[in-house]
């Protein structure tokens, strides 16, 4: 049974397990490789597999003005980890008190006394403890004292480049959604609530719903072909999305607006999963509404052609 903990008080049955430590934002192919390596140990030694991760991400905690950064929210992360064969997750609240724990105390008082794993899997650039002074070398040295084993698999490289959350964020910022999707092994998705908007899309003949993008990474502003699922429904809807500031209308606020083909229902306050398929065009300011509507019709045609292609959600 999959368990989620918000502290280090875990079941005794989960002691002497395999533990993966990291942010695991995006659960991309590199993370999947690490998890698959750990699952070999899980099968061989008949152990449970756990993940220690943090909320908020440490980089966001130390840069409190940083907003649009994440590839996945916690809910998505947990769903993906469960699918990947993880048995339990410790989702530790990252705060000032926790950030001040010295690396040797982190190992002794938390890793050993609280979690007591048999194997620890980490990436080669793993850092921990106050001012990130702890590293894999220290973890390996301390493992000999406390009796756990540190496993540091080689990172996944594609075309000689390491697959990382940072590289995927860069691709999304550049509008290279197809390449990002390949490294994620699935379509990048924003999970958000529908908010009340100004009804501008409806007035233009393209009714849209506004999605709260919360802390998700800001992909390149523009138009995308998408598919959407409404939470608690298995139905998959096709559509087109606009991500930007509405420069034609002198907009100031970042918006994610979704137009669903052939859908007439009310989605206000519903939670949607918006799956990004292809980048159609960049955001731009149009001379007038007529020019904008003409372009929107072209975008719609392009999106429908895109979505005919067989791409896995």
C-alpha atoms as a PDB file:
ATOM      1  CA  UNK A   1       0.000   0.000   0.000  1.00  0.00           C
ATOM      2  CA  UNK A   2       1.406   3.388  -1.074  1.00  0.00           C
ATOM      3  CA  UNK A   3       1.966   5.729   1.891  1.00  0.00           C
ATOM      4  CA  UNK A   4       2.719   9.462   2.074  1.00  0.00           C
ATOM      5  CA  UNK A   5       4.369  10.954   5.170  1.00  0.00           C
ATOM      6  CA  UNK A   6       4.859  14.634   5.990  1.00  0.00           C
ATOM      7  CA  UNK A   7       7.402  13.861   8.711  1.00  0.00           C
ATOM      8  CA  UNK A   8      10.045  11.271   9.574  1.00  0.00           C
ATOM      9  CA  UNK A   9       7.808   9.158  11.812  1.00  0.00           C
ATOM     10  CA  UNK A  10       7.443   6.191   9.484  1.00  0.00           C
ATOM     11  CA  UNK A  11       6.193   2.666  10.103  1.00  0.00           C
ATOM     12  CA  UNK A  12       8.695   0.171  11.523  1.00  0.00           C
ATOM     13  CA  UNK A  13       7.934  -2.048   8.540  1.00  0.00           C
ATOM     14  CA  UNK A  14       9.515   0.609   6.295  1.00  0.00           C
ATOM     15  CA  UNK A  15      12.840   0.660   8.131  1.00  0.00           C
ATOM     16  CA  UNK A  16      15.801  -1.034   6.377  1.00  0.00           C
ATOM     17  CA  UNK A  17      14.306   0.001   3.049  1.00  0.00           C
ATOM     18  CA  UNK A  18      15.779   1.499  -0.115  1.00  0.00           C
ATOM     19  CA  UNK A  19      15.670   5.305  -0.041  1.00  0.00           C
ATOM     20  CA  UNK A  20      15.913   7.730  -2.961  1.00  0.00           C
ATOM     21  CA  UNK A  21      16.653  11.343  -1.982  1.00  0.00           C
ATOM     22  CA  UNK A  22      16.054  14.372  -4.185  1.00  0.00           C
ATOM     23  CA  UNK A  23      13.581  16.940  -5.499  1.00  0.00           C
ATOM     24  CA  UNK A  24      12.375  14.700  -8.347  1.00  0.00           C
ATOM     25  CA  UNK A  25      10.678  17.613 -10.080  1.00  0.00           C
ATOM     26  CA  UNK A  26       9.208  16.307 -13.313  1.00  0.00           C
ATOM     27  CA  UNK A  27      10.029  12.608 -12.731  1.00  0.00           C
ATOM     28  CA  UNK A  28      11.793  12.635 -16.114  1.00  0.00           C
ATOM     29  CA  UNK A  29      13.748   9.859 -17.843  1.00  0.00           C
ATOM     30  CA  UNK A  30      16.779  10.502 -15.624  1.00  0.00           C
ATOM     31  CA  UNK A  31      14.705  10.075 -12.461  1.00  0.00           C
ATOM     32  CA  UNK A  32      13.079   6.999 -13.977  1.00  0.00           C
ATOM     33  CA  UNK A  33      16.502   5.471 -14.621  1.00  0.00           C
ATOM     34  CA  UNK A  34      17.474   6.045 -10.985  1.00  0.00           C
ATOM     35  CA  UNK A  35      14.206   4.499  -9.801  1.00  0.00           C
ATOM     36  CA  UNK A  36      14.592   1.486 -12.110  1.00  0.00           C
ATOM     37  CA  UNK A  37      18.083   0.852 -10.725  1.00  0.00           C
ATOM     38  CA  UNK A  38      16.651   0.970  -7.199  1.00  0.00           C
ATOM     39  CA  UNK A  39      13.861  -1.438  -8.163  1.00  0.00           C
ATOM     40  CA  UNK A  40      16.476  -4.043  -9.055  1.00  0.00           C
ATOM     41  CA  UNK A  41      17.674  -3.896  -5.443  1.00  0.00           C
ATOM     42  CA  UNK A  42      14.067  -3.966  -4.255  1.00  0.00           C
ATOM     43  CA  UNK A  43      13.492  -7.222  -6.098  1.00  0.00           C
ATOM     44  CA  UNK A  44      16.847  -8.783  -5.202  1.00  0.00           C
ATOM     45  CA  UNK A  45      16.704  -8.022  -1.450  1.00  0.00           C
ATOM     46  CA  UNK A  46      12.885  -8.005  -1.097  1.00  0.00           C
ATOM     47  CA  UNK A  47      12.832  -4.515   0.417  1.00  0.00           C
ATOM     48  CA  UNK A  48      10.438  -1.581   0.348  1.00  0.00           C
ATOM     49  CA  UNK A  49      11.276   1.425  -1.836  1.00  0.00           C
ATOM     50  CA  UNK A  50      10.888   4.961  -0.496  1.00  0.00           C
ATOM     51  CA  UNK A  51      11.545   8.539  -1.586  1.00  0.00           C
ATOM     52  CA  UNK A  52      12.580  11.514   0.525  1.00  0.00           C
ATOM     53  CA  UNK A  53      11.648  14.757  -1.174  1.00  0.00           C
ATOM     54  CA  UNK A  54      10.993  18.358  -0.168  1.00  0.00           C
ATOM     55  CA  UNK A  55       8.265  20.998  -0.329  1.00  0.00           C
ATOM     56  CA  UNK A  56       8.817  23.731  -1.313  1.00  0.00           C
ATOM     57  CA  UNK A  57      11.799  22.927  -3.476  1.00  0.00           C
ATOM     58  CA  UNK A  58      14.868  24.269  -1.617  1.00  0.00           C
ATOM     59  CA  UNK A  59      15.776  26.615  -4.489  1.00  0.00           C
ATOM     60  CA  UNK A  60      12.311  28.196  -4.225  1.00  0.00           C
ATOM     61  CA  UNK A  61      12.578  28.479  -0.447  1.00  0.00           C
ATOM     62  CA  UNK A  62      15.874  30.380  -0.640  1.00  0.00           C
ATOM     63  CA  UNK A  63      14.556  32.557  -3.490  1.00  0.00           C
ATOM     64  CA  UNK A  64      11.130  33.491  -2.154  1.00  0.00           C
ATOM     65  CA  UNK A  65      10.444  35.744  -5.157  1.00  0.00           C
ATOM     66  CA  UNK A  66      10.787  32.753  -7.468  1.00  0.00           C
ATOM     67  CA  UNK A  67       7.321  31.688  -8.557  1.00  0.00           C
ATOM     68  CA  UNK A  68       7.028  29.947 -11.917  1.00  0.00           C
ATOM     69  CA  UNK A  69       9.548  27.128 -11.621  1.00  0.00           C
ATOM     70  CA  UNK A  70       8.056  23.676 -11.060  1.00  0.00           C
ATOM     71  CA  UNK A  71       7.518  20.968 -13.679  1.00  0.00           C
ATOM     72  CA  UNK A  72       5.092  19.016 -11.494  1.00  0.00           C
ATOM     73  CA  UNK A  73       3.103  19.794  -8.379  1.00  0.00           C
ATOM     74  CA  UNK A  74       3.171  17.504  -5.335  1.00  0.00           C
ATOM     75  CA  UNK A  75      -0.033  15.695  -6.278  1.00  0.00           C
ATOM     76  CA  UNK A  76       1.344  14.801  -9.725  1.00  0.00           C
ATOM     77  CA  UNK A  77       4.661  13.777  -8.190  1.00  0.00           C
ATOM     78  CA  UNK A  78       2.981  11.324  -5.817  1.00  0.00           C
ATOM     79  CA  UNK A  79       0.857   9.787  -8.596  1.00  0.00           C
ATOM     80  CA  UNK A  80       3.923   9.287 -10.791  1.00  0.00           C
ATOM     81  CA  UNK A  81       6.017   7.824  -7.955  1.00  0.00           C
ATOM     82  CA  UNK A  82       3.266   5.327  -7.160  1.00  0.00           C
ATOM     83  CA  UNK A  83       3.111   4.284 -10.829  1.00  0.00           C
ATOM     84  CA  UNK A  84       6.892   3.869 -10.809  1.00  0.00           C
ATOM     85  CA  UNK A  85       6.698   1.269  -8.034  1.00  0.00           C
ATOM     86  CA  UNK A  86       7.582   3.412  -4.998  1.00  0.00           C
ATOM     87  CA  UNK A  87       6.057   2.168  -1.720  1.00  0.00           C
ATOM     88  CA  UNK A  88       6.260   5.321   0.401  1.00  0.00           C
ATOM     89  CA  UNK A  89       7.141   9.014   0.170  1.00  0.00           C
ATOM     90  CA  UNK A  90       8.412  11.347   2.875  1.00  0.00           C
ATOM     91  CA  UNK A  91       7.445  14.817   1.666  1.00  0.00           C
ATOM     92  CA  UNK A  92       9.365  16.967   4.141  1.00  0.00           C
ATOM     93  CA  UNK A  93       8.386  20.579   4.672  1.00  0.00           C
ATOM     94  CA  UNK A  94      11.490  22.602   3.830  1.00  0.00           C
ATOM     95  CA  UNK A  95      11.763  25.539   6.232  1.00  0.00           C
ATOM     96  CA  UNK A  96      14.426  27.626   7.964  1.00  0.00           C
ATOM     97  CA  UNK A  97      14.805  25.206  10.868  1.00  0.00           C
ATOM     98  CA  UNK A  98      15.323  22.238   8.570  1.00  0.00           C
ATOM     99  CA  UNK A  99      17.707  24.168   6.291  1.00  0.00           C
ATOM    100  CA  UNK A 100      19.971  24.941   9.277  1.00  0.00           C
ATOM    101  CA  UNK A 101      20.616  21.285  10.136  1.00  0.00           C
ATOM    102  CA  UNK A 102      24.300  20.508   9.637  1.00  0.00           C
ATOM    103  CA  UNK A 103      25.136  17.732   7.199  1.00  0.00           C
ATOM    104  CA  UNK A 104      26.512  15.358   9.847  1.00  0.00           C
ATOM    105  CA  UNK A 105      23.381  15.866  11.999  1.00  0.00           C
ATOM    106  CA  UNK A 106      21.168  15.252   8.968  1.00  0.00           C
ATOM    107  CA  UNK A 107      22.827  11.872   8.466  1.00  0.00           C
ATOM    108  CA  UNK A 108      22.925  10.847  12.132  1.00  0.00           C
ATOM    109  CA  UNK A 109      19.637  12.210  13.489  1.00  0.00           C
ATOM    110  CA  UNK A 110      17.388  11.930  10.443  1.00  0.00           C
ATOM    111  CA  UNK A 111      18.712   9.392   7.953  1.00  0.00           C
ATOM    112  CA  UNK A 112      20.008   6.882  10.514  1.00  0.00           C
ATOM    113  CA  UNK A 113      17.797   7.384  13.590  1.00  0.00           C
ATOM    114  CA  UNK A 114      14.508   8.222  11.871  1.00  0.00           C
ATOM    115  CA  UNK A 115      14.517   6.419   8.512  1.00  0.00           C
ATOM    116  CA  UNK A 116      17.291   3.825   8.935  1.00  0.00           C
ATOM    117  CA  UNK A 117      17.581   2.738   5.270  1.00  0.00           C
ATOM    118  CA  UNK A 118      19.645  -0.196   4.040  1.00  0.00           C
ATOM    119  CA  UNK A 119      20.436   1.463   0.681  1.00  0.00           C
ATOM    120  CA  UNK A 120      20.446   5.132  -0.314  1.00  0.00           C
ATOM    121  CA  UNK A 121      20.275   6.118  -4.005  1.00  0.00           C
ATOM    122  CA  UNK A 122      21.357   9.652  -4.912  1.00  0.00           C
ATOM    123  CA  UNK A 123      22.544  11.563  -7.971  1.00  0.00           C
ATOM    124  CA  UNK A 124      26.225  12.508  -8.224  1.00  0.00           C
ATOM    125  CA  UNK A 125      25.465  16.215  -7.601  1.00  0.00           C
ATOM    126  CA  UNK A 126      23.417  15.568  -4.444  1.00  0.00           C
ATOM    127  CA  UNK A 127      24.012  18.222  -1.732  1.00  0.00           C
ATOM    128  CA  UNK A 128      22.486  18.432   1.732  1.00  0.00           C
ATOM    129  CA  UNK A 129      22.703  20.100   5.124  1.00  0.00           C
ATOM    130  CA  UNK A 130      23.283  23.693   6.168  1.00  0.00           C
ATOM    131  CA  UNK A 131      24.662  25.798   3.295  1.00  0.00           C
ATOM    132  CA  UNK A 132      24.653  22.602   1.166  1.00  0.00           C
ATOM    133  CA  UNK A 133      27.994  21.601   2.674  1.00  0.00           C
ATOM    134  CA  UNK A 134      27.183  17.890   2.619  1.00  0.00           C
ATOM    135  CA  UNK A 135      27.911  15.908  -0.548  1.00  0.00           C
ATOM    136  CA  UNK A 136      27.976  12.318  -1.804  1.00  0.00           C
ATOM    137  CA  UNK A 137      31.556  11.864  -0.608  1.00  0.00           C
ATOM    138  CA  UNK A 138      30.532  12.682   2.975  1.00  0.00           C
ATOM    139  CA  UNK A 139      27.482  10.431   2.691  1.00  0.00           C
ATOM    140  CA  UNK A 140      29.677   7.506   1.581  1.00  0.00           C
ATOM    141  CA  UNK A 141      32.189   8.150   4.399  1.00  0.00           C
ATOM    142  CA  UNK A 142      29.427   8.218   7.016  1.00  0.00           C
ATOM    143  CA  UNK A 143      27.745   5.124   5.546  1.00  0.00           C
ATOM    144  CA  UNK A 144      30.698   3.007   6.679  1.00  0.00           C
ATOM    145  CA  UNK A 145      30.158   4.198  10.257  1.00  0.00           C
ATOM    146  CA  UNK A 146      26.396   3.698  10.334  1.00  0.00           C
ATOM    147  CA  UNK A 147      26.012   0.606   8.169  1.00  0.00           C
ATOM    148  CA  UNK A 148      23.980   1.757   5.179  1.00  0.00           C
ATOM    149  CA  UNK A 149      25.031   1.553   1.534  1.00  0.00           C
ATOM    150  CA  UNK A 150      25.210   4.492  -0.904  1.00  0.00           C
ATOM    151  CA  UNK A 151      24.463   3.824  -4.564  1.00  0.00           C
ATOM    152  CA  UNK A 152      25.276   6.534  -7.106  1.00  0.00           C
ATOM    153  CA  UNK A 153      24.211   5.419 -10.601  1.00  0.00           C
ATOM    154  CA  UNK A 154      25.572   7.205 -13.657  1.00  0.00           C
ATOM    155  CA  UNK A 155      23.227   9.970 -14.856  1.00  0.00           C
ATOM    156  CA  UNK A 156      21.201   9.369 -17.999  1.00  0.00           C
ATOM    157  CA  UNK A 157      22.701  11.052 -21.046  1.00  0.00           C
ATOM    158  CA  UNK A 158      21.007  11.572 -24.392  1.00  0.00           C
ATOM    159  CA  UNK A 159      23.300  12.777 -27.167  1.00  0.00           C
ATOM    160  CA  UNK A 160      26.016  13.251 -24.516  1.00  0.00           C
ATOM    161  CA  UNK A 161      23.832  15.663 -22.504  1.00  0.00           C
ATOM    162  CA  UNK A 162      22.637  14.818 -18.991  1.00  0.00           C
ATOM    163  CA  UNK A 163      18.842  14.666 -18.736  1.00  0.00           C
ATOM    164  CA  UNK A 164      17.852  17.022 -15.916  1.00  0.00           C
ATOM    165  CA  UNK A 165      14.916  19.059 -14.645  1.00  0.00           C
ATOM    166  CA  UNK A 166      16.868  22.220 -15.510  1.00  0.00           C
ATOM    167  CA  UNK A 167      17.323  21.167 -19.142  1.00  0.00           C
ATOM    168  CA  UNK A 168      13.587  20.463 -19.455  1.00  0.00           C
ATOM    169  CA  UNK A 169      12.718  23.856 -17.964  1.00  0.00           C
ATOM    170  CA  UNK A 170      14.995  25.479 -20.548  1.00  0.00           C
ATOM    171  CA  UNK A 171      13.246  23.603 -23.366  1.00  0.00           C
ATOM    172  CA  UNK A 172       9.825  24.746 -22.134  1.00  0.00           C
ATOM    173  CA  UNK A 173      11.000  28.360 -21.894  1.00  0.00           C
ATOM    174  CA  UNK A 174      12.082  28.098 -25.534  1.00  0.00           C
ATOM    175  CA  UNK A 175       8.764  26.579 -26.642  1.00  0.00           C
ATOM    176  CA  UNK A 176      10.400  23.243 -27.490  1.00  0.00           C
ATOM    177  CA  UNK A 177       7.522  21.282 -26.038  1.00  0.00           C
ATOM    178  CA  UNK A 178       8.043  18.131 -28.146  1.00  0.00           C
ATOM    179  CA  UNK A 179      11.647  17.762 -26.963  1.00  0.00           C
ATOM    180  CA  UNK A 180      10.574  18.399 -23.365  1.00  0.00           C
ATOM    181  CA  UNK A 181       7.862  15.742 -23.682  1.00  0.00           C
ATOM    182  CA  UNK A 182      10.402  13.197 -24.923  1.00  0.00           C
ATOM    183  CA  UNK A 183      12.643  13.789 -21.898  1.00  0.00           C
ATOM    184  CA  UNK A 184       9.634  13.548 -19.583  1.00  0.00           C
ATOM    185  CA  UNK A 185       8.432  10.414 -21.457  1.00  0.00           C
ATOM    186  CA  UNK A 186       4.936  11.913 -21.411  1.00  0.00           C
ATOM    187  CA  UNK A 187       3.178  15.174 -22.241  1.00  0.00           C
ATOM    188  CA  UNK A 188       3.983  18.035 -19.898  1.00  0.00           C
ATOM    189  CA  UNK A 189       0.817  18.886 -17.992  1.00  0.00           C
ATOM    190  CA  UNK A 190      -0.476  21.782 -15.920  1.00  0.00           C
ATOM    191  CA  UNK A 191      -3.000  20.837 -13.250  1.00  0.00           C
ATOM    192  CA  UNK A 192      -5.079  23.854 -12.222  1.00  0.00           C
ATOM    193  CA  UNK A 193      -8.456  25.242 -11.252  1.00  0.00           C
ATOM    194  CA  UNK A 194     -10.697  27.137 -13.633  1.00  0.00           C
ATOM    195  CA  UNK A 195     -11.102  30.769 -12.594  1.00  0.00           C
ATOM    196  CA  UNK A 196     -13.567  33.425 -13.628  1.00  0.00           C
ATOM    197  CA  UNK A 197     -12.187  35.608 -16.449  1.00  0.00           C
ATOM    198  CA  UNK A 198     -13.182  38.694 -18.424  1.00  0.00           C
ATOM    199  CA  UNK A 199     -15.039  36.644 -21.081  1.00  0.00           C
ATOM    200  CA  UNK A 200     -12.931  38.202 -23.859  1.00  0.00           C
ATOM    201  CA  UNK A 201     -12.573  34.873 -25.652  1.00  0.00           C
ATOM    202  CA  UNK A 202     -16.335  34.402 -25.747  1.00  0.00           C
ATOM    203  CA  UNK A 203     -16.794  37.891 -27.196  1.00  0.00           C
ATOM    204  CA  UNK A 204     -14.316  37.020 -29.956  1.00  0.00           C
ATOM    205  CA  UNK A 205     -16.171  33.806 -30.782  1.00  0.00           C
ATOM    206  CA  UNK A 206     -13.688  31.513 -29.019  1.00  0.00           C
ATOM    207  CA  UNK A 207     -14.992  30.795 -25.499  1.00  0.00           C
ATOM    208  CA  UNK A 208     -12.173  29.931 -23.116  1.00  0.00           C
ATOM    209  CA  UNK A 209     -11.644  28.974 -19.497  1.00  0.00           C
ATOM    210  CA  UNK A 210      -8.836  30.519 -17.458  1.00  0.00           C
ATOM    211  CA  UNK A 211      -6.553  28.117 -15.607  1.00  0.00           C
ATOM    212  CA  UNK A 212      -4.543  29.029 -12.510  1.00  0.00           C
ATOM    213  CA  UNK A 213      -0.948  27.994 -13.321  1.00  0.00           C
ATOM    214  CA  UNK A 214       0.213  28.435  -9.719  1.00  0.00           C
ATOM    215  CA  UNK A 215       3.968  27.658  -9.432  1.00  0.00           C
ATOM    216  CA  UNK A 216       4.429  25.840 -12.741  1.00  0.00           C
ATOM    217  CA  UNK A 217       7.357  26.815 -14.946  1.00  0.00           C
ATOM    218  CA  UNK A 218       6.405  29.534 -17.413  1.00  0.00           C
ATOM    219  CA  UNK A 219       6.673  27.959 -20.852  1.00  0.00           C
ATOM    220  CA  UNK A 220       7.260  30.219 -23.844  1.00  0.00           C
ATOM    221  CA  UNK A 221       4.282  32.599 -24.179  1.00  0.00           C
ATOM    222  CA  UNK A 222       2.172  31.731 -27.191  1.00  0.00           C
ATOM    223  CA  UNK A 223      -0.341  29.250 -28.555  1.00  0.00           C
ATOM    224  CA  UNK A 224      -0.254  25.479 -28.018  1.00  0.00           C
ATOM    225  CA  UNK A 225      -2.211  22.453 -29.139  1.00  0.00           C
ATOM    226  CA  UNK A 226      -3.465  20.592 -26.071  1.00  0.00           C
ATOM    227  CA  UNK A 227      -5.606  17.826 -24.700  1.00  0.00           C
ATOM    228  CA  UNK A 228      -7.521  18.172 -21.444  1.00  0.00           C
ATOM    229  CA  UNK A 229      -9.002  15.915 -18.822  1.00  0.00           C
ATOM    230  CA  UNK A 230     -11.428  17.116 -16.179  1.00  0.00           C
ATOM    231  CA  UNK A 231     -10.574  15.677 -12.778  1.00  0.00           C
ATOM    232  CA  UNK A 232     -12.828  12.773 -11.780  1.00  0.00           C
ATOM    233  CA  UNK A 233     -13.587  12.182 -15.467  1.00  0.00           C
ATOM    234  CA  UNK A 234     -11.844   9.808 -17.871  1.00  0.00           C
ATOM    235  CA  UNK A 235     -12.963  11.727 -20.944  1.00  0.00           C
ATOM    236  CA  UNK A 236     -10.136  13.301 -22.993  1.00  0.00           C
ATOM    237  CA  UNK A 237     -10.960  16.575 -24.764  1.00  0.00           C
ATOM    238  CA  UNK A 238      -8.971  18.249 -27.540  1.00  0.00           C
ATOM    239  CA  UNK A 239      -8.307  21.950 -27.642  1.00  0.00           C
ATOM    240  CA  UNK A 240      -6.021  24.911 -28.016  1.00  0.00           C
ATOM    241  CA  UNK A 241      -4.338  26.977 -25.298  1.00  0.00           C
ATOM    242  CA  UNK A 242      -3.031  30.508 -25.079  1.00  0.00           C
ATOM    243  CA  UNK A 243      -0.332  31.310 -22.529  1.00  0.00           C
ATOM    244  CA  UNK A 244       0.543  34.983 -22.243  1.00  0.00           C
ATOM    245  CA  UNK A 245      -0.413  38.492 -21.203  1.00  0.00           C
ATOM    246  CA  UNK A 246      -2.938  39.457 -23.933  1.00  0.00           C
ATOM    247  CA  UNK A 247      -0.761  42.257 -25.399  1.00  0.00           C
ATOM    248  CA  UNK A 248      -3.513  43.148 -27.898  1.00  0.00           C
ATOM    249  CA  UNK A 249      -5.685  44.161 -24.919  1.00  0.00           C
ATOM    250  CA  UNK A 250      -2.822  45.688 -22.889  1.00  0.00           C
ATOM    251  CA  UNK A 251      -2.965  42.832 -20.418  1.00  0.00           C
ATOM    252  CA  UNK A 252      -0.801  42.800 -17.297  1.00  0.00           C
ATOM    253  CA  UNK A 253      -1.592  39.401 -15.786  1.00  0.00           C
ATOM    254  CA  UNK A 254      -0.210  36.072 -17.032  1.00  0.00           C
ATOM    255  CA  UNK A 255      -3.009  33.832 -18.268  1.00  0.00           C
ATOM    256  CA  UNK A 256      -3.491  30.271 -19.425  1.00  0.00           C
ATOM    257  CA  UNK A 257      -6.666  30.245 -21.521  1.00  0.00           C
ATOM    258  CA  UNK A 258      -8.062  27.005 -22.905  1.00  0.00           C
ATOM    259  CA  UNK A 259     -10.570  26.576 -25.735  1.00  0.00           C
ATOM    260  CA  UNK A 260     -12.024  23.054 -25.955  1.00  0.00           C
ATOM    261  CA  UNK A 261     -13.303  21.881 -29.329  1.00  0.00           C
ATOM    262  CA  UNK A 262     -17.054  21.225 -29.324  1.00  0.00           C
ATOM    263  CA  UNK A 263     -17.460  21.653 -25.562  1.00  0.00           C
ATOM    264  CA  UNK A 264     -20.282  23.814 -24.202  1.00  0.00           C
ATOM    265  CA  UNK A 265     -20.397  22.933 -20.490  1.00  0.00           C
ATOM    266  CA  UNK A 266     -19.561  25.090 -17.471  1.00  0.00           C
ATOM    267  CA  UNK A 267     -16.108  24.314 -16.048  1.00  0.00           C
ATOM    268  CA  UNK A 268     -15.912  27.140 -13.504  1.00  0.00           C
ATOM    269  CA  UNK A 269     -14.133  25.948 -10.318  1.00  0.00           C
ATOM    270  CA  UNK A 270     -13.407  22.563 -11.916  1.00  0.00           C
ATOM    271  CA  UNK A 271      -9.832  21.220 -11.870  1.00  0.00           C
ATOM    272  CA  UNK A 272      -8.338  20.488 -15.288  1.00  0.00           C
ATOM    273  CA  UNK A 273      -5.243  18.662 -16.484  1.00  0.00           C
ATOM    274  CA  UNK A 274      -3.907  20.517 -19.540  1.00  0.00           C
ATOM    275  CA  UNK A 275      -1.528  18.339 -21.616  1.00  0.00           C
ATOM    276  CA  UNK A 276       0.749  20.275 -23.961  1.00  0.00           C
ATOM    277  CA  UNK A 277       1.392  18.749 -27.395  1.00  0.00           C
ATOM    278  CA  UNK A 278       2.931  21.317 -29.700  1.00  0.00           C
ATOM    279  CA  UNK A 279       3.955  24.971 -29.813  1.00  0.00           C
ATOM    280  CA  UNK A 280       2.024  26.672 -32.615  1.00  0.00           C
ATOM    281  CA  UNK A 281       3.226  30.275 -32.502  1.00  0.00           C
ATOM    282  CA  UNK A 282       4.704  32.896 -30.203  1.00  0.00           C
ATOM    283  CA  UNK A 283       2.650  35.564 -28.461  1.00  0.00           C
ATOM    284  CA  UNK A 284       2.273  38.866 -30.289  1.00  0.00           C
ATOM    285  CA  UNK A 285       0.288  42.076 -30.308  1.00  0.00           C
ATOM    286  CA  UNK A 286      -2.260  42.431 -33.119  1.00  0.00           C
ATOM    287  CA  UNK A 287      -3.412  45.696 -34.706  1.00  0.00           C
ATOM    288  CA  UNK A 288      -7.067  45.011 -33.963  1.00  0.00           C
ATOM    289  CA  UNK A 289      -9.631  42.356 -33.048  1.00  0.00           C
ATOM    290  CA  UNK A 290     -10.203  41.350 -36.689  1.00  0.00           C
ATOM    291  CA  UNK A 291      -6.511  40.547 -37.182  1.00  0.00           C
ATOM    292  CA  UNK A 292      -6.523  38.555 -33.958  1.00  0.00           C
ATOM    293  CA  UNK A 293      -9.638  36.560 -34.925  1.00  0.00           C
ATOM    294  CA  UNK A 294      -8.146  35.772 -38.364  1.00  0.00           C
ATOM    295  CA  UNK A 295      -4.985  34.425 -36.699  1.00  0.00           C
ATOM    296  CA  UNK A 296      -6.993  32.474 -34.122  1.00  0.00           C
ATOM    297  CA  UNK A 297      -8.823  30.635 -36.902  1.00  0.00           C
ATOM    298  CA  UNK A 298      -5.470  29.650 -38.427  1.00  0.00           C
ATOM    299  CA  UNK A 299      -4.233  28.528 -34.996  1.00  0.00           C
ATOM    300  CA  UNK A 300      -7.331  26.397 -34.563  1.00  0.00           C
ATOM    301  CA  UNK A 301      -6.766  24.619 -37.877  1.00  0.00           C
ATOM    302  CA  UNK A 302      -3.138  23.951 -36.987  1.00  0.00           C
ATOM    303  CA  UNK A 303      -4.048  22.621 -33.534  1.00  0.00           C
ATOM    304  CA  UNK A 304      -6.592  20.192 -34.970  1.00  0.00           C
ATOM    305  CA  UNK A 305      -3.990  18.844 -37.405  1.00  0.00           C
ATOM    306  CA  UNK A 306      -1.484  18.447 -34.571  1.00  0.00           C
ATOM    307  CA  UNK A 307      -3.901  16.511 -32.415  1.00  0.00           C
ATOM    308  CA  UNK A 308      -4.651  13.967 -35.131  1.00  0.00           C
ATOM    309  CA  UNK A 309      -1.148  12.627 -34.605  1.00  0.00           C
ATOM    310  CA  UNK A 310      -0.780   9.710 -32.235  1.00  0.00           C
ATOM    311  CA  UNK A 311       0.930  11.083 -29.150  1.00  0.00           C
ATOM    312  CA  UNK A 312       0.617   9.365 -25.764  1.00  0.00           C
ATOM    313  CA  UNK A 313      -0.730  11.421 -22.856  1.00  0.00           C
END
